[in-house]
Amino acid sequence: MSESVSEHKVLSLLKRKPKYYEILSRIVDVEEAAEKGLHRESEIIKKIGWEWYHVGVLPAELMILVREGIIEIQYKSSRYTHYRLKDREVIKRALMKFKSQY
């Protein structure tokens, strides 16, 4: 896994683009559900990550998170792109701080 993301970087993105609060919350939920085996595609998500439709977010919006260094591409082929949060715990802390501030 590459370099971790900072809480400050996530909060900065959320302040600039508040809609990413909901997007990142959904991503956290999908990753945690897969980890607990509660998602219908848990095994795939645990192994190679989730796809855009798992979180209900267009790939263009996910590319912003990739460029910001918040998520990373785990697997890419001509048909599929699978993503994963770089550091879920940092994201969760940033989401809690953002929610309590705004």
Protein backbone atom coordinates (compact mmCIF):
# COMPACT_ATOMS: atom_id res chain seq x y z
CA MET A 1 0.00 0.00 0.00
CA SER A 2 1.27 3.45 -0.83
CA GLU A 3 1.66 6.48 1.41
CA SER A 4 -1.24 7.14 3.77
CA VAL A 5 -3.60 10.08 3.45
CA SER A 6 -3.73 12.83 6.06
CA GLU A 7 -6.84 13.83 7.96
CA HIS A 8 -6.08 17.46 7.05
CA LYS A 9 -6.17 16.62 3.34
CA VAL A 10 -9.57 14.92 3.68
CA LEU A 11 -11.01 17.82 5.72
CA SER A 12 -9.70 20.27 3.15
CA LEU A 13 -11.49 18.41 0.35
CA LEU A 14 -14.71 18.23 2.38
CA LYS A 15 -14.62 21.98 3.04
CA ARG A 16 -14.13 22.69 -0.68
CA LYS A 17 -16.61 20.07 -1.87
CA PRO A 18 -19.09 19.09 0.88
CA LYS A 19 -20.86 16.56 -1.38
CA TYR A 20 -17.86 14.29 -0.82
CA TYR A 21 -19.00 13.79 2.78
CA GLU A 22 -21.82 11.55 1.54
CA ILE A 23 -19.60 9.88 -1.06
CA LEU A 24 -16.86 9.02 1.45
CA SER A 25 -19.47 7.86 3.97
CA ARG A 26 -20.90 5.43 1.40
CA ILE A 27 -17.42 4.16 0.56
CA VAL A 28 -16.65 3.52 4.23
CA ASP A 29 -19.99 1.71 4.62
CA VAL A 30 -19.34 -0.54 1.61
CA GLU A 31 -15.81 -1.43 2.73
CA GLU A 32 -16.95 -2.20 6.27
CA ALA A 33 -19.96 -4.24 5.12
CA ALA A 34 -17.69 -6.27 2.84
CA GLU A 35 -15.22 -6.84 5.66
CA LYS A 36 -18.04 -8.24 7.82
CA GLY A 37 -19.37 -10.37 4.94
CA LEU A 38 -22.61 -8.38 4.76
CA HIS A 39 -22.27 -7.18 1.17
CA ARG A 40 -23.46 -9.47 -1.62
CA GLU A 41 -20.03 -9.14 -3.28
CA SER A 42 -17.98 -9.17 -0.07
CA GLU A 43 -15.33 -11.58 -1.32
CA ILE A 44 -14.58 -9.57 -4.46
CA ILE A 45 -14.54 -6.28 -2.56
CA LYS A 46 -12.21 -7.67 0.12
CA LYS A 47 -9.89 -9.15 -2.48
CA ILE A 48 -9.61 -6.44 -5.16
CA GLY A 49 -11.77 -3.53 -3.99
CA TRP A 50 -15.11 -2.02 -4.93
CA GLU A 51 -16.36 -0.54 -8.19
CA TRP A 52 -18.17 2.73 -8.81
CA TYR A 53 -21.62 1.15 -8.81
CA HIS A 54 -21.06 -0.39 -5.35
CA VAL A 55 -20.97 3.12 -3.89
CA GLY A 56 -23.29 4.83 -6.37
CA VAL A 57 -20.69 7.34 -7.56
CA LEU A 58 -19.70 8.17 -11.11
CA PRO A 59 -16.11 7.31 -12.05
CA ALA A 60 -15.35 10.99 -12.75
CA GLU A 61 -16.10 11.84 -9.11
CA LEU A 62 -13.92 8.94 -7.96
CA MET A 63 -11.02 10.23 -10.05
CA ILE A 64 -11.02 13.39 -7.91
CA LEU A 65 -10.52 11.16 -4.87
CA VAL A 66 -7.74 9.29 -6.67
CA ARG A 67 -5.99 12.56 -7.59
CA GLU A 68 -6.36 13.80 -4.01
CA GLY A 69 -4.73 10.58 -2.79
CA ILE A 70 -7.74 9.51 -0.71
CA ILE A 71 -8.56 6.35 -2.65
CA GLU A 72 -6.36 4.23 -4.86
CA ILE A 73 -6.95 2.00 -7.82
CA GLN A 74 -6.45 -1.60 -6.70
CA TYR A 75 -7.17 -3.32 -10.01
CA LYS A 76 -7.70 -2.06 -13.54
CA SER A 77 -8.52 -3.84 -16.77
CA SER A 78 -10.19 -2.78 -19.98
CA ARG A 79 -13.59 -3.51 -18.38
CA TYR A 80 -13.17 -3.01 -14.64
CA THR A 81 -11.64 -0.59 -12.19
CA HIS A 82 -11.60 -1.48 -8.50
CA TYR A 83 -10.83 1.06 -5.78
CA ARG A 84 -9.99 1.07 -2.07
CA LEU A 85 -9.62 3.78 0.56
CA LYS A 86 -5.99 4.43 1.37
CA ASP A 87 -6.67 4.66 5.12
CA ARG A 88 -10.24 4.02 6.27
CA GLU A 89 -9.61 5.02 9.89
CA VAL A 90 -8.24 8.43 8.87
CA ILE A 91 -11.26 8.94 6.61
CA LYS A 92 -13.66 8.00 9.41
CA ARG A 93 -12.02 10.46 11.81
CA ALA A 94 -12.14 13.23 9.21
CA LEU A 95 -15.82 12.51 8.51
CA MET A 96 -16.65 12.70 12.23
CA LYS A 97 -14.75 15.98 12.62
CA PHE A 98 -16.39 17.47 9.55
CA LYS A 99 -19.86 16.43 10.73
CA SER A 100 -19.30 17.96 14.17
CA GLN A 101 -18.03 21.24 12.66
CA TYR A 102 -20.72 21.76 10.01
